[in-house]
N, C-alpha and C. Protein backbone atom coordinates (compact mmCIF):
# COMPACT_ATOMS: atom_id res chain seq x y z
N MET A 1 -2.87 23.21 -30.38
CA MET A 1 -2.09 23.14 -29.14
C MET A 1 -1.53 21.74 -28.97
N SER A 2 -0.28 21.62 -28.57
CA SER A 2 0.35 20.31 -28.42
C SER A 2 -0.23 19.57 -27.22
N GLU A 3 -0.19 18.25 -27.33
CA GLU A 3 -0.72 17.42 -26.26
C GLU A 3 0.18 17.51 -25.03
N PRO A 4 -0.38 17.70 -23.82
CA PRO A 4 0.44 17.81 -22.62
C PRO A 4 1.15 16.50 -22.32
N ASN A 5 2.25 16.59 -21.60
CA ASN A 5 3.02 15.42 -21.23
C ASN A 5 2.45 14.82 -19.94
N TYR A 6 1.91 13.60 -20.05
CA TYR A 6 1.31 12.97 -18.89
C TYR A 6 2.21 11.90 -18.28
N LEU A 7 3.45 11.83 -18.74
CA LEU A 7 4.35 10.83 -18.18
C LEU A 7 4.70 11.18 -16.74
N ALA A 8 4.57 10.20 -15.86
CA ALA A 8 4.97 10.42 -14.48
C ALA A 8 6.48 10.52 -14.39
N SER A 9 6.97 11.37 -13.51
CA SER A 9 8.41 11.51 -13.34
C SER A 9 9.00 10.34 -12.59
N ALA A 10 8.18 9.63 -11.83
CA ALA A 10 8.64 8.44 -11.10
C ALA A 10 7.43 7.60 -10.72
N VAL A 11 7.68 6.33 -10.48
CA VAL A 11 6.64 5.40 -10.05
C VAL A 11 7.03 4.82 -8.70
N VAL A 12 6.09 4.79 -7.78
CA VAL A 12 6.30 4.16 -6.48
C VAL A 12 5.33 3.00 -6.36
N LYS A 13 5.86 1.81 -6.18
CA LYS A 13 5.04 0.61 -6.03
C LYS A 13 4.94 0.26 -4.55
N ALA A 14 3.70 0.20 -4.05
CA ALA A 14 3.47 -0.13 -2.64
C ALA A 14 2.54 -1.32 -2.54
N ILE A 15 2.89 -2.26 -1.68
CA ILE A 15 2.05 -3.42 -1.45
C ILE A 15 1.42 -3.29 -0.07
N MET A 16 0.11 -3.59 0.00
CA MET A 16 -0.62 -3.54 1.26
C MET A 16 -0.87 -4.96 1.74
N ILE A 17 -0.38 -5.27 2.93
CA ILE A 17 -0.49 -6.63 3.46
C ILE A 17 -1.06 -6.59 4.88
N GLY A 18 -1.59 -7.73 5.29
CA GLY A 18 -2.21 -7.84 6.61
C GLY A 18 -3.32 -8.88 6.56
N ASP A 19 -3.81 -9.27 7.72
CA ASP A 19 -4.85 -10.29 7.80
C ASP A 19 -6.12 -9.86 7.07
N ALA A 20 -6.97 -10.83 6.76
CA ALA A 20 -8.24 -10.55 6.10
C ALA A 20 -9.13 -9.71 7.01
N GLY A 21 -9.82 -8.74 6.42
CA GLY A 21 -10.81 -7.96 7.16
C GLY A 21 -10.26 -6.84 8.01
N VAL A 22 -8.96 -6.54 7.90
CA VAL A 22 -8.40 -5.50 8.75
C VAL A 22 -8.68 -4.09 8.22
N GLY A 23 -9.06 -3.98 6.94
CA GLY A 23 -9.40 -2.66 6.40
C GLY A 23 -8.48 -2.16 5.31
N LYS A 24 -7.72 -3.05 4.69
CA LYS A 24 -6.79 -2.63 3.64
C LYS A 24 -7.52 -1.99 2.45
N SER A 25 -8.56 -2.66 1.98
CA SER A 25 -9.31 -2.15 0.82
C SER A 25 -10.01 -0.84 1.14
N SER A 26 -10.56 -0.73 2.33
CA SER A 26 -11.23 0.51 2.74
C SER A 26 -10.23 1.66 2.83
N LEU A 27 -9.03 1.36 3.29
CA LEU A 27 -7.98 2.37 3.40
C LEU A 27 -7.61 2.89 2.01
N ALA A 28 -7.39 1.96 1.07
CA ALA A 28 -7.04 2.35 -0.30
C ALA A 28 -8.19 3.10 -0.97
N HIS A 29 -9.41 2.64 -0.74
CA HIS A 29 -10.58 3.27 -1.35
C HIS A 29 -10.78 4.69 -0.82
N ARG A 30 -10.59 4.87 0.47
CA ARG A 30 -10.74 6.20 1.06
C ARG A 30 -9.71 7.17 0.48
N PHE A 31 -8.47 6.70 0.31
CA PHE A 31 -7.44 7.58 -0.23
C PHE A 31 -7.67 7.88 -1.71
N CYS A 32 -7.97 6.86 -2.49
CA CYS A 32 -8.09 7.04 -3.94
C CYS A 32 -9.39 7.72 -4.35
N ASP A 33 -10.48 7.33 -3.73
CA ASP A 33 -11.81 7.79 -4.15
C ASP A 33 -12.46 8.77 -3.18
N LYS A 34 -11.82 8.99 -2.04
CA LYS A 34 -12.35 9.91 -1.03
C LYS A 34 -13.76 9.50 -0.59
N GLU A 35 -13.96 8.20 -0.49
CA GLU A 35 -15.27 7.67 -0.10
C GLU A 35 -15.10 6.60 0.98
N TRP A 36 -16.19 6.39 1.69
CA TRP A 36 -16.24 5.33 2.70
C TRP A 36 -17.30 4.33 2.29
N ASN A 37 -16.90 3.08 2.15
CA ASN A 37 -17.83 2.02 1.77
C ASN A 37 -17.82 0.96 2.86
N PRO A 38 -18.90 0.87 3.65
CA PRO A 38 -18.91 -0.10 4.75
C PRO A 38 -19.19 -1.53 4.31
N HIS A 39 -19.39 -1.74 3.00
CA HIS A 39 -19.82 -3.05 2.51
C HIS A 39 -18.76 -3.76 1.66
N PHE A 40 -17.49 -3.46 1.87
CA PHE A 40 -16.44 -4.14 1.14
C PHE A 40 -16.43 -5.63 1.49
N VAL A 41 -16.24 -6.46 0.46
CA VAL A 41 -16.04 -7.89 0.70
C VAL A 41 -14.54 -8.16 0.65
N SER A 42 -14.14 -9.29 1.19
CA SER A 42 -12.72 -9.62 1.23
C SER A 42 -12.13 -9.71 -0.17
N THR A 43 -10.94 -9.16 -0.34
CA THR A 43 -10.26 -9.19 -1.63
C THR A 43 -9.90 -10.62 -2.01
N VAL A 44 -10.08 -10.94 -3.30
CA VAL A 44 -9.68 -12.24 -3.84
C VAL A 44 -8.44 -12.02 -4.69
N GLY A 45 -7.34 -12.68 -4.34
CA GLY A 45 -6.10 -12.48 -5.09
C GLY A 45 -5.48 -11.14 -4.72
N SER A 46 -5.72 -10.13 -5.54
CA SER A 46 -5.26 -8.78 -5.23
C SER A 46 -6.06 -7.77 -6.03
N ASP A 47 -6.03 -6.53 -5.59
CA ASP A 47 -6.67 -5.43 -6.29
C ASP A 47 -5.59 -4.39 -6.56
N PHE A 48 -5.71 -3.70 -7.69
CA PHE A 48 -4.69 -2.75 -8.10
C PHE A 48 -5.29 -1.37 -8.30
N LYS A 49 -4.67 -0.37 -7.72
CA LYS A 49 -5.07 1.02 -7.93
C LYS A 49 -3.83 1.84 -8.24
N GLU A 50 -4.01 2.85 -9.07
CA GLU A 50 -2.91 3.73 -9.41
C GLU A 50 -3.34 5.16 -9.18
N VAL A 51 -2.54 5.90 -8.45
CA VAL A 51 -2.88 7.26 -8.05
C VAL A 51 -1.76 8.21 -8.46
N ARG A 52 -2.12 9.34 -9.04
CA ARG A 52 -1.12 10.35 -9.39
C ARG A 52 -1.07 11.42 -8.32
N ILE A 53 0.12 11.72 -7.85
CA ILE A 53 0.31 12.71 -6.80
C ILE A 53 1.32 13.74 -7.29
N HIS A 54 1.01 15.00 -7.11
CA HIS A 54 1.90 16.08 -7.54
C HIS A 54 2.97 16.35 -6.49
N ARG A 55 4.19 16.47 -6.96
CA ARG A 55 5.30 16.93 -6.15
C ARG A 55 6.03 18.03 -6.94
N GLU A 56 6.90 18.74 -6.28
CA GLU A 56 7.58 19.87 -6.92
C GLU A 56 8.34 19.46 -8.17
N ASP A 57 8.87 18.23 -8.15
CA ASP A 57 9.67 17.79 -9.29
C ASP A 57 8.88 16.97 -10.29
N GLY A 58 7.57 16.96 -10.17
CA GLY A 58 6.75 16.29 -11.18
C GLY A 58 5.62 15.47 -10.59
N ARG A 59 4.97 14.71 -11.47
CA ARG A 59 3.88 13.83 -11.07
C ARG A 59 4.46 12.48 -10.66
N ILE A 60 4.00 11.98 -9.53
CA ILE A 60 4.43 10.68 -9.04
C ILE A 60 3.27 9.70 -9.18
N ALA A 61 3.52 8.56 -9.80
CA ALA A 61 2.50 7.53 -9.92
C ALA A 61 2.66 6.55 -8.76
N LEU A 62 1.69 6.55 -7.86
CA LEU A 62 1.70 5.62 -6.74
C LEU A 62 0.85 4.41 -7.12
N GLN A 63 1.48 3.26 -7.22
CA GLN A 63 0.79 2.02 -7.55
C GLN A 63 0.54 1.24 -6.27
N LEU A 64 -0.74 0.97 -5.99
CA LEU A 64 -1.12 0.26 -4.77
C LEU A 64 -1.60 -1.14 -5.10
N TRP A 65 -0.93 -2.11 -4.53
CA TRP A 65 -1.33 -3.52 -4.67
C TRP A 65 -1.95 -3.94 -3.35
N ASP A 66 -3.27 -4.08 -3.35
CA ASP A 66 -4.04 -4.45 -2.16
C ASP A 66 -4.23 -5.96 -2.20
N THR A 67 -3.54 -6.67 -1.32
CA THR A 67 -3.52 -8.13 -1.38
C THR A 67 -4.54 -8.76 -0.43
N ALA A 68 -4.95 -9.97 -0.77
CA ALA A 68 -5.87 -10.73 0.06
C ALA A 68 -5.16 -11.22 1.32
N GLY A 69 -5.87 -11.20 2.43
CA GLY A 69 -5.26 -11.62 3.69
C GLY A 69 -5.61 -13.02 4.12
N GLN A 70 -6.53 -13.68 3.37
CA GLN A 70 -6.92 -15.03 3.76
C GLN A 70 -5.75 -16.00 3.60
N GLU A 71 -5.70 -16.98 4.47
CA GLU A 71 -4.60 -17.94 4.49
C GLU A 71 -4.46 -18.66 3.15
N LYS A 72 -5.57 -18.96 2.48
CA LYS A 72 -5.50 -19.73 1.23
C LYS A 72 -4.84 -18.96 0.09
N TYR A 73 -4.69 -17.62 0.26
CA TYR A 73 -4.04 -16.82 -0.77
C TYR A 73 -2.61 -16.42 -0.40
N ARG A 74 -2.13 -16.85 0.75
CA ARG A 74 -0.81 -16.41 1.20
C ARG A 74 0.30 -16.81 0.24
N THR A 75 0.14 -17.95 -0.43
CA THR A 75 1.19 -18.40 -1.35
C THR A 75 1.28 -17.53 -2.60
N LEU A 76 0.24 -16.74 -2.88
CA LEU A 76 0.25 -15.87 -4.06
C LEU A 76 0.99 -14.57 -3.80
N ILE A 77 0.98 -14.11 -2.57
CA ILE A 77 1.43 -12.77 -2.25
C ILE A 77 2.92 -12.52 -2.50
N PRO A 78 3.80 -13.50 -2.28
CA PRO A 78 5.23 -13.24 -2.53
C PRO A 78 5.52 -12.70 -3.93
N ALA A 79 4.69 -13.02 -4.91
CA ALA A 79 4.91 -12.50 -6.27
C ALA A 79 4.82 -10.98 -6.30
N TYR A 80 4.06 -10.39 -5.37
CA TYR A 80 3.88 -8.95 -5.33
C TYR A 80 4.96 -8.24 -4.51
N TYR A 81 5.68 -9.00 -3.67
CA TYR A 81 6.73 -8.39 -2.86
C TYR A 81 7.89 -7.90 -3.72
N ARG A 82 8.23 -8.67 -4.74
CA ARG A 82 9.41 -8.38 -5.53
C ARG A 82 9.27 -7.05 -6.26
N GLY A 83 10.26 -6.19 -6.06
CA GLY A 83 10.25 -4.89 -6.71
C GLY A 83 9.43 -3.83 -6.00
N ALA A 84 8.85 -4.16 -4.85
CA ALA A 84 8.04 -3.19 -4.12
C ALA A 84 8.93 -2.13 -3.47
N ASP A 85 8.54 -0.87 -3.62
CA ASP A 85 9.26 0.23 -2.97
C ASP A 85 8.82 0.38 -1.52
N ALA A 86 7.59 -0.04 -1.22
CA ALA A 86 7.06 0.13 0.14
C ALA A 86 6.13 -1.02 0.48
N ALA A 87 6.08 -1.33 1.76
CA ALA A 87 5.14 -2.32 2.28
C ALA A 87 4.32 -1.66 3.38
N ILE A 88 3.01 -1.60 3.18
CA ILE A 88 2.10 -1.02 4.17
C ILE A 88 1.45 -2.18 4.91
N ILE A 89 1.85 -2.39 6.15
CA ILE A 89 1.35 -3.51 6.94
C ILE A 89 0.20 -3.00 7.80
N VAL A 90 -0.96 -3.61 7.63
CA VAL A 90 -2.19 -3.10 8.24
C VAL A 90 -2.73 -4.09 9.27
N PHE A 91 -3.16 -3.56 10.41
CA PHE A 91 -3.90 -4.36 11.38
C PHE A 91 -5.11 -3.59 11.88
N ASP A 92 -6.01 -4.30 12.53
CA ASP A 92 -7.28 -3.75 13.01
C ASP A 92 -7.18 -3.57 14.53
N VAL A 93 -7.38 -2.36 15.01
CA VAL A 93 -7.23 -2.11 16.46
C VAL A 93 -8.30 -2.82 17.29
N THR A 94 -9.35 -3.32 16.65
CA THR A 94 -10.38 -4.06 17.38
C THR A 94 -10.06 -5.56 17.44
N SER A 95 -8.97 -5.98 16.79
CA SER A 95 -8.63 -7.39 16.69
C SER A 95 -7.20 -7.64 17.16
N VAL A 96 -7.08 -8.27 18.31
CA VAL A 96 -5.75 -8.58 18.84
C VAL A 96 -5.03 -9.57 17.92
N SER A 97 -5.77 -10.52 17.35
CA SER A 97 -5.15 -11.53 16.49
C SER A 97 -4.52 -10.90 15.25
N SER A 98 -5.16 -9.86 14.68
CA SER A 98 -4.58 -9.20 13.50
C SER A 98 -3.31 -8.45 13.87
N PHE A 99 -3.26 -7.93 15.09
CA PHE A 99 -2.06 -7.26 15.58
C PHE A 99 -0.94 -8.26 15.78
N GLU A 100 -1.27 -9.39 16.37
CA GLU A 100 -0.27 -10.44 16.59
C GLU A 100 0.22 -11.02 15.27
N GLY A 101 -0.62 -10.94 14.24
CA GLY A 101 -0.25 -11.48 12.93
C GLY A 101 0.73 -10.61 12.16
N VAL A 102 0.98 -9.40 12.62
CA VAL A 102 1.90 -8.49 11.92
C VAL A 102 3.28 -9.12 11.79
N THR A 103 3.75 -9.77 12.85
CA THR A 103 5.08 -10.37 12.83
C THR A 103 5.21 -11.38 11.69
N SER A 104 4.16 -12.17 11.47
CA SER A 104 4.19 -13.16 10.40
C SER A 104 4.30 -12.49 9.03
N TRP A 105 3.58 -11.38 8.85
CA TRP A 105 3.66 -10.66 7.58
C TRP A 105 5.04 -10.05 7.37
N VAL A 106 5.62 -9.55 8.43
CA VAL A 106 6.97 -8.98 8.33
C VAL A 106 7.96 -10.07 7.93
N ASN A 107 7.83 -11.25 8.53
CA ASN A 107 8.73 -12.36 8.20
C ASN A 107 8.58 -12.78 6.74
N ASP A 108 7.33 -12.82 6.25
CA ASP A 108 7.09 -13.15 4.85
C ASP A 108 7.76 -12.12 3.94
N LEU A 109 7.61 -10.86 4.30
CA LEU A 109 8.18 -9.78 3.50
C LEU A 109 9.70 -9.93 3.42
N ARG A 110 10.32 -10.15 4.55
CA ARG A 110 11.78 -10.28 4.58
C ARG A 110 12.25 -11.50 3.80
N LYS A 111 11.44 -12.53 3.79
CA LYS A 111 11.82 -13.77 3.11
C LYS A 111 11.70 -13.67 1.60
N HIS A 112 10.70 -12.92 1.12
CA HIS A 112 10.36 -12.96 -0.30
C HIS A 112 10.62 -11.68 -1.08
N ASN A 113 11.14 -10.63 -0.45
CA ASN A 113 11.27 -9.36 -1.17
C ASN A 113 12.50 -9.28 -2.05
N GLY A 114 13.26 -10.37 -2.14
CA GLY A 114 14.41 -10.39 -3.03
C GLY A 114 15.48 -9.42 -2.57
N TYR A 115 15.99 -8.62 -3.52
CA TYR A 115 17.08 -7.70 -3.21
C TYR A 115 16.56 -6.29 -2.88
N SER A 116 15.26 -6.10 -2.90
CA SER A 116 14.73 -4.77 -2.62
C SER A 116 14.75 -4.48 -1.13
N ASP A 117 14.75 -3.21 -0.80
CA ASP A 117 14.75 -2.76 0.59
C ASP A 117 13.57 -1.82 0.77
N PRO A 118 12.35 -2.37 0.87
CA PRO A 118 11.17 -1.51 0.88
C PRO A 118 11.03 -0.68 2.14
N THR A 119 10.44 0.49 1.98
CA THR A 119 10.05 1.30 3.12
C THR A 119 8.85 0.63 3.78
N VAL A 120 8.94 0.36 5.06
CA VAL A 120 7.87 -0.33 5.78
C VAL A 120 7.11 0.66 6.65
N VAL A 121 5.79 0.56 6.59
CA VAL A 121 4.91 1.41 7.38
C VAL A 121 3.91 0.52 8.10
N LEU A 122 3.71 0.75 9.37
CA LEU A 122 2.70 0.01 10.14
C LEU A 122 1.48 0.90 10.32
N VAL A 123 0.31 0.38 9.94
CA VAL A 123 -0.92 1.18 9.97
C VAL A 123 -1.99 0.47 10.77
N ALA A 124 -2.52 1.16 11.78
CA ALA A 124 -3.66 0.67 12.54
C ALA A 124 -4.93 1.25 11.94
N CYS A 125 -5.90 0.39 11.66
CA CYS A 125 -7.18 0.83 11.09
C CYS A 125 -8.30 0.74 12.13
N LYS A 126 -9.40 1.41 11.82
CA LYS A 126 -10.64 1.36 12.60
C LYS A 126 -10.51 1.98 13.99
N VAL A 127 -9.73 3.05 14.10
CA VAL A 127 -9.56 3.68 15.41
C VAL A 127 -10.82 4.41 15.85
N ASP A 128 -11.82 4.51 14.97
CA ASP A 128 -13.10 5.11 15.36
C ASP A 128 -13.95 4.14 16.17
N LEU A 129 -13.53 2.87 16.22
CA LEU A 129 -14.28 1.85 16.96
C LEU A 129 -13.62 1.57 18.32
N GLU A 130 -14.31 0.81 19.15
CA GLU A 130 -13.74 0.46 20.45
C GLU A 130 -12.54 -0.44 20.25
N ARG A 131 -11.43 -0.04 20.77
CA ARG A 131 -10.18 -0.72 20.45
C ARG A 131 -9.82 -1.80 21.47
N ALA A 132 -9.12 -2.83 20.95
CA ALA A 132 -8.58 -3.88 21.81
C ALA A 132 -7.06 -3.81 21.86
N VAL A 133 -6.47 -3.07 20.92
CA VAL A 133 -5.02 -2.90 20.86
C VAL A 133 -4.70 -1.46 21.22
N PRO A 134 -4.03 -1.20 22.33
CA PRO A 134 -3.74 0.17 22.73
C PRO A 134 -2.72 0.84 21.82
N TYR A 135 -2.78 2.16 21.79
CA TYR A 135 -1.84 2.94 20.97
C TYR A 135 -0.40 2.59 21.31
N ALA A 136 -0.09 2.46 22.58
CA ALA A 136 1.28 2.21 23.02
C ALA A 136 1.81 0.90 22.44
N ALA A 137 0.94 -0.11 22.33
CA ALA A 137 1.38 -1.40 21.79
C ALA A 137 1.74 -1.28 20.31
N GLY A 138 0.93 -0.54 19.56
CA GLY A 138 1.22 -0.33 18.15
C GLY A 138 2.50 0.44 17.95
N LEU A 139 2.68 1.49 18.75
CA LEU A 139 3.90 2.30 18.64
C LEU A 139 5.13 1.49 19.02
N GLU A 140 5.01 0.67 20.05
CA GLU A 140 6.14 -0.16 20.46
C GLU A 140 6.54 -1.14 19.36
N LEU A 141 5.54 -1.74 18.72
CA LEU A 141 5.83 -2.68 17.63
C LEU A 141 6.51 -1.96 16.47
N ALA A 142 5.99 -0.79 16.11
CA ALA A 142 6.58 -0.03 15.01
C ALA A 142 8.02 0.35 15.34
N THR A 143 8.27 0.71 16.58
CA THR A 143 9.63 1.06 16.99
C THR A 143 10.56 -0.13 16.85
N SER A 144 10.07 -1.31 17.22
CA SER A 144 10.90 -2.52 17.11
C SER A 144 11.18 -2.87 15.66
N LEU A 145 10.24 -2.51 14.78
CA LEU A 145 10.41 -2.77 13.35
C LEU A 145 11.17 -1.63 12.65
N GLN A 146 11.41 -0.56 13.41
CA GLN A 146 12.10 0.62 12.89
C GLN A 146 11.33 1.22 11.71
N CYS A 147 10.05 1.38 11.92
CA CYS A 147 9.22 1.95 10.86
C CYS A 147 8.25 2.99 11.43
N LYS A 148 7.65 3.74 10.55
CA LYS A 148 6.67 4.77 10.91
C LYS A 148 5.35 4.11 11.29
N TYR A 149 4.66 4.72 12.25
CA TYR A 149 3.37 4.19 12.72
C TYR A 149 2.27 5.21 12.53
N PHE A 150 1.13 4.76 11.98
CA PHE A 150 -0.03 5.62 11.79
C PHE A 150 -1.26 4.93 12.36
N GLU A 151 -2.14 5.72 12.94
CA GLU A 151 -3.45 5.23 13.36
C GLU A 151 -4.50 5.93 12.52
N THR A 152 -5.37 5.15 11.86
CA THR A 152 -6.27 5.70 10.86
C THR A 152 -7.71 5.25 11.05
N SER A 153 -8.60 6.00 10.42
CA SER A 153 -10.00 5.62 10.31
C SER A 153 -10.44 5.86 8.88
N SER A 154 -10.78 4.80 8.17
CA SER A 154 -11.28 4.95 6.81
C SER A 154 -12.68 5.55 6.81
N GLN A 155 -13.40 5.38 7.92
CA GLN A 155 -14.75 5.91 7.99
C GLN A 155 -14.75 7.43 7.99
N ASP A 156 -13.92 8.05 8.83
CA ASP A 156 -13.89 9.52 8.87
C ASP A 156 -12.68 10.12 8.17
N GLY A 157 -11.80 9.26 7.67
CA GLY A 157 -10.65 9.73 6.90
C GLY A 157 -9.44 10.14 7.72
N SER A 158 -9.49 9.95 9.02
CA SER A 158 -8.39 10.40 9.88
C SER A 158 -7.06 9.76 9.49
N ALA A 159 -6.09 10.61 9.18
CA ALA A 159 -4.69 10.23 8.91
C ALA A 159 -4.51 9.33 7.69
N VAL A 160 -5.56 9.09 6.92
CA VAL A 160 -5.43 8.22 5.75
C VAL A 160 -4.48 8.82 4.71
N ASP A 161 -4.70 10.09 4.36
CA ASP A 161 -3.82 10.73 3.38
C ASP A 161 -2.38 10.77 3.87
N ASP A 162 -2.20 10.95 5.18
CA ASP A 162 -0.85 11.03 5.74
C ASP A 162 -0.05 9.77 5.44
N VAL A 163 -0.71 8.61 5.50
CA VAL A 163 -0.02 7.34 5.26
C VAL A 163 0.60 7.31 3.87
N PHE A 164 -0.21 7.60 2.87
CA PHE A 164 0.23 7.41 1.48
C PHE A 164 1.18 8.53 1.03
N HIS A 165 0.98 9.72 1.52
CA HIS A 165 1.92 10.79 1.19
C HIS A 165 3.27 10.54 1.85
N TYR A 166 3.25 9.99 3.06
CA TYR A 166 4.51 9.63 3.70
C TYR A 166 5.23 8.55 2.90
N VAL A 167 4.48 7.55 2.43
CA VAL A 167 5.08 6.47 1.65
C VAL A 167 5.78 7.02 0.41
N VAL A 168 5.10 7.91 -0.31
CA VAL A 168 5.69 8.49 -1.52
C VAL A 168 6.96 9.27 -1.17
N ASP A 169 6.87 10.15 -0.19
CA ASP A 169 8.01 11.00 0.15
C ASP A 169 9.19 10.18 0.68
N ALA A 170 8.90 9.16 1.50
CA ALA A 170 9.97 8.33 2.05
C ALA A 170 10.67 7.53 0.96
N CYS A 171 9.90 7.01 0.01
CA CYS A 171 10.50 6.24 -1.07
C CYS A 171 11.34 7.13 -1.98
N LEU A 172 10.86 8.32 -2.28
CA LEU A 172 11.63 9.23 -3.11
C LEU A 172 12.91 9.68 -2.41
N ALA A 173 12.81 9.91 -1.09
CA ALA A 173 13.99 10.30 -0.33
C ALA A 173 15.02 9.18 -0.30
N LYS A 174 14.55 7.94 -0.18
CA LYS A 174 15.47 6.80 -0.18
C LYS A 174 16.18 6.67 -1.51
N ARG A 175 15.44 6.90 -2.60
CA ARG A 175 16.07 6.83 -3.92
C ARG A 175 17.12 7.93 -4.07
N ALA A 176 16.78 9.11 -3.61
CA ALA A 176 17.73 10.22 -3.71
C ALA A 176 18.99 9.92 -2.90
N ALA A 177 18.82 9.29 -1.75
CA ALA A 177 19.96 8.99 -0.89
C ALA A 177 20.87 7.93 -1.50
N THR A 178 20.28 7.04 -2.32
CA THR A 178 21.08 5.99 -2.95
C THR A 178 21.69 6.45 -4.26
N GLY A 179 21.40 7.71 -4.65
CA GLY A 179 22.03 8.28 -5.81
C GLY A 179 21.40 7.94 -7.14
N LEU A 180 20.16 7.43 -7.13
CA LEU A 180 19.49 7.13 -8.39
C LEU A 180 19.17 8.43 -9.12
N SER A 181 19.49 8.48 -10.38
CA SER A 181 19.22 9.67 -11.18
C SER A 181 17.77 9.74 -11.60
N GLN A 182 17.32 10.93 -11.98
CA GLN A 182 15.95 11.09 -12.46
C GLN A 182 15.75 10.27 -13.72
N ARG A 183 16.79 10.14 -14.53
CA ARG A 183 16.67 9.33 -15.75
C ARG A 183 16.41 7.87 -15.42
N GLU A 184 17.09 7.36 -14.39
CA GLU A 184 16.88 5.98 -13.98
C GLU A 184 15.48 5.79 -13.42
N LEU A 185 15.00 6.77 -12.66
CA LEU A 185 13.65 6.68 -12.11
C LEU A 185 12.60 6.74 -13.20
N SER A 186 12.85 7.52 -14.23
CA SER A 186 11.86 7.71 -15.29
C SER A 186 11.66 6.46 -16.13
N LYS A 187 12.54 5.47 -15.99
CA LYS A 187 12.34 4.22 -16.72
C LYS A 187 11.07 3.51 -16.27
N LYS A 188 10.57 3.89 -15.09
CA LYS A 188 9.35 3.29 -14.59
C LYS A 188 8.11 4.11 -14.97
N SER A 189 8.28 5.15 -15.79
CA SER A 189 7.19 6.06 -16.08
C SER A 189 6.00 5.35 -16.69
N VAL A 190 4.81 5.87 -16.38
CA VAL A 190 3.58 5.34 -16.94
C VAL A 190 2.82 6.48 -17.58
N ASN A 191 1.89 6.16 -18.48
CA ASN A 191 1.12 7.16 -19.19
C ASN A 191 -0.17 7.45 -18.43
N LEU A 192 -0.36 8.67 -18.01
CA LEU A 192 -1.53 9.07 -17.24
C LEU A 192 -2.27 10.16 -17.99
N ARG A 193 -3.60 10.06 -18.04
CA ARG A 193 -4.37 11.01 -18.84
C ARG A 193 -5.54 11.57 -18.04
N ASP A 194 -5.20 12.27 -17.00
CA ASP A 194 -6.23 12.92 -16.20
C ASP A 194 -5.59 14.11 -15.52
N ASP A 195 -6.29 15.25 -15.49
CA ASP A 195 -5.71 16.47 -14.94
C ASP A 195 -6.06 16.70 -13.49
N ASN A 196 -6.83 15.79 -12.88
CA ASN A 196 -7.16 15.95 -11.48
C ASN A 196 -5.93 15.74 -10.62
N PHE A 197 -5.99 16.20 -9.40
CA PHE A 197 -4.85 16.04 -8.50
C PHE A 197 -4.56 14.57 -8.28
N TYR A 198 -5.61 13.77 -8.17
CA TYR A 198 -5.44 12.34 -8.03
C TYR A 198 -5.96 11.65 -9.28
N TYR A 199 -5.22 10.65 -9.71
CA TYR A 199 -5.67 9.83 -10.82
C TYR A 199 -5.72 8.40 -10.32
N GLN A 200 -6.85 7.72 -10.50
CA GLN A 200 -7.01 6.38 -9.97
C GLN A 200 -7.49 5.44 -11.05
N ARG A 201 -6.80 4.31 -11.16
CA ARG A 201 -7.22 3.28 -12.09
C ARG A 201 -7.31 1.99 -11.33
N SER A 202 -8.43 1.29 -11.39
CA SER A 202 -8.60 0.04 -10.67
C SER A 202 -8.96 -1.06 -11.64
N THR A 203 -8.25 -2.18 -11.55
CA THR A 203 -8.52 -3.31 -12.42
C THR A 203 -9.39 -4.33 -11.72
N GLY A 204 -9.74 -4.07 -10.47
CA GLY A 204 -10.59 -5.01 -9.75
C GLY A 204 -9.81 -6.24 -9.32
N LEU A 205 -10.04 -7.37 -10.01
CA LEU A 205 -9.43 -8.63 -9.62
C LEU A 205 -8.13 -8.87 -10.36
N CYS A 206 -7.11 -9.27 -9.64
CA CYS A 206 -5.83 -9.61 -10.27
C CYS A 206 -5.30 -10.85 -9.58
N MET A 207 -5.09 -11.90 -10.34
CA MET A 207 -4.61 -13.15 -9.75
C MET A 207 -3.45 -13.70 -10.56
N CYS A 208 -2.60 -14.46 -9.90
CA CYS A 208 -1.46 -15.06 -10.57
C CYS A 208 -1.92 -16.19 -11.47
N GLY A 209 -1.11 -16.51 -12.48
CA GLY A 209 -1.47 -17.53 -13.46
C GLY A 209 -1.71 -18.89 -12.83
N ASP A 210 -0.87 -19.28 -11.87
CA ASP A 210 -1.03 -20.60 -11.25
C ASP A 210 -2.37 -20.71 -10.55
N PHE A 211 -2.81 -19.61 -9.94
CA PHE A 211 -4.07 -19.63 -9.22
C PHE A 211 -5.24 -19.74 -10.19
N ARG A 212 -5.16 -19.02 -11.33
CA ARG A 212 -6.22 -19.09 -12.33
C ARG A 212 -6.34 -20.49 -12.88
N GLN A 213 -5.20 -21.16 -13.11
CA GLN A 213 -5.25 -22.52 -13.63
C GLN A 213 -5.93 -23.45 -12.63
N GLY A 214 -5.70 -23.19 -11.35
CA GLY A 214 -6.29 -24.02 -10.34
C GLY A 214 -7.79 -23.89 -10.25
N MET A 215 -8.34 -22.80 -10.78
CA MET A 215 -9.79 -22.56 -10.73
C MET A 215 -10.51 -23.19 -11.91
N LYS A 216 -9.77 -23.63 -12.94
CA LYS A 216 -10.41 -24.20 -14.13
C LYS A 216 -11.01 -25.56 -13.82
């Protein structure tokens, strides 16, 4: 029997940004692994996950770049903006400062994303906890940014899948609207070798060369 074709029909690159500790890694982990881990430590540099999602026209490879939110890593993040199809901006509903920090992340994105026009999504995390940021405030901010707004809980999984499926569908719709052919999209194809509905590959730590040199 011939080997099945595992080439993805398209690749969607999404970057996750936001202050440290807002729940970016937990959000990605819940979607990719369907698990809740309350003991995540802050990401150093960035973490990479790749997920395969089925659509009618083929397998879509969703690449998630989960970036560190600490101030000392902010200079590294612009390298991940370039070529991103989507930006998932995350804040913690229990932290007013993380909500106020969204504007700074949006400004960084606009400054460093080059010629790309990423789909932007605003995501509130930890809605299972006592909140300090009301729903109306999050929705108002998303409206001002002209982007979709989601409220999620990585602990119970509420609306987590909705975020990432929306990102994939919105990015594919934008490509279709700009007239990109399937052949042009397939230039980003990657080799995937798993028959499950989701395919996840994590490299753990990923840092830019300049940062690694600084650690020597």
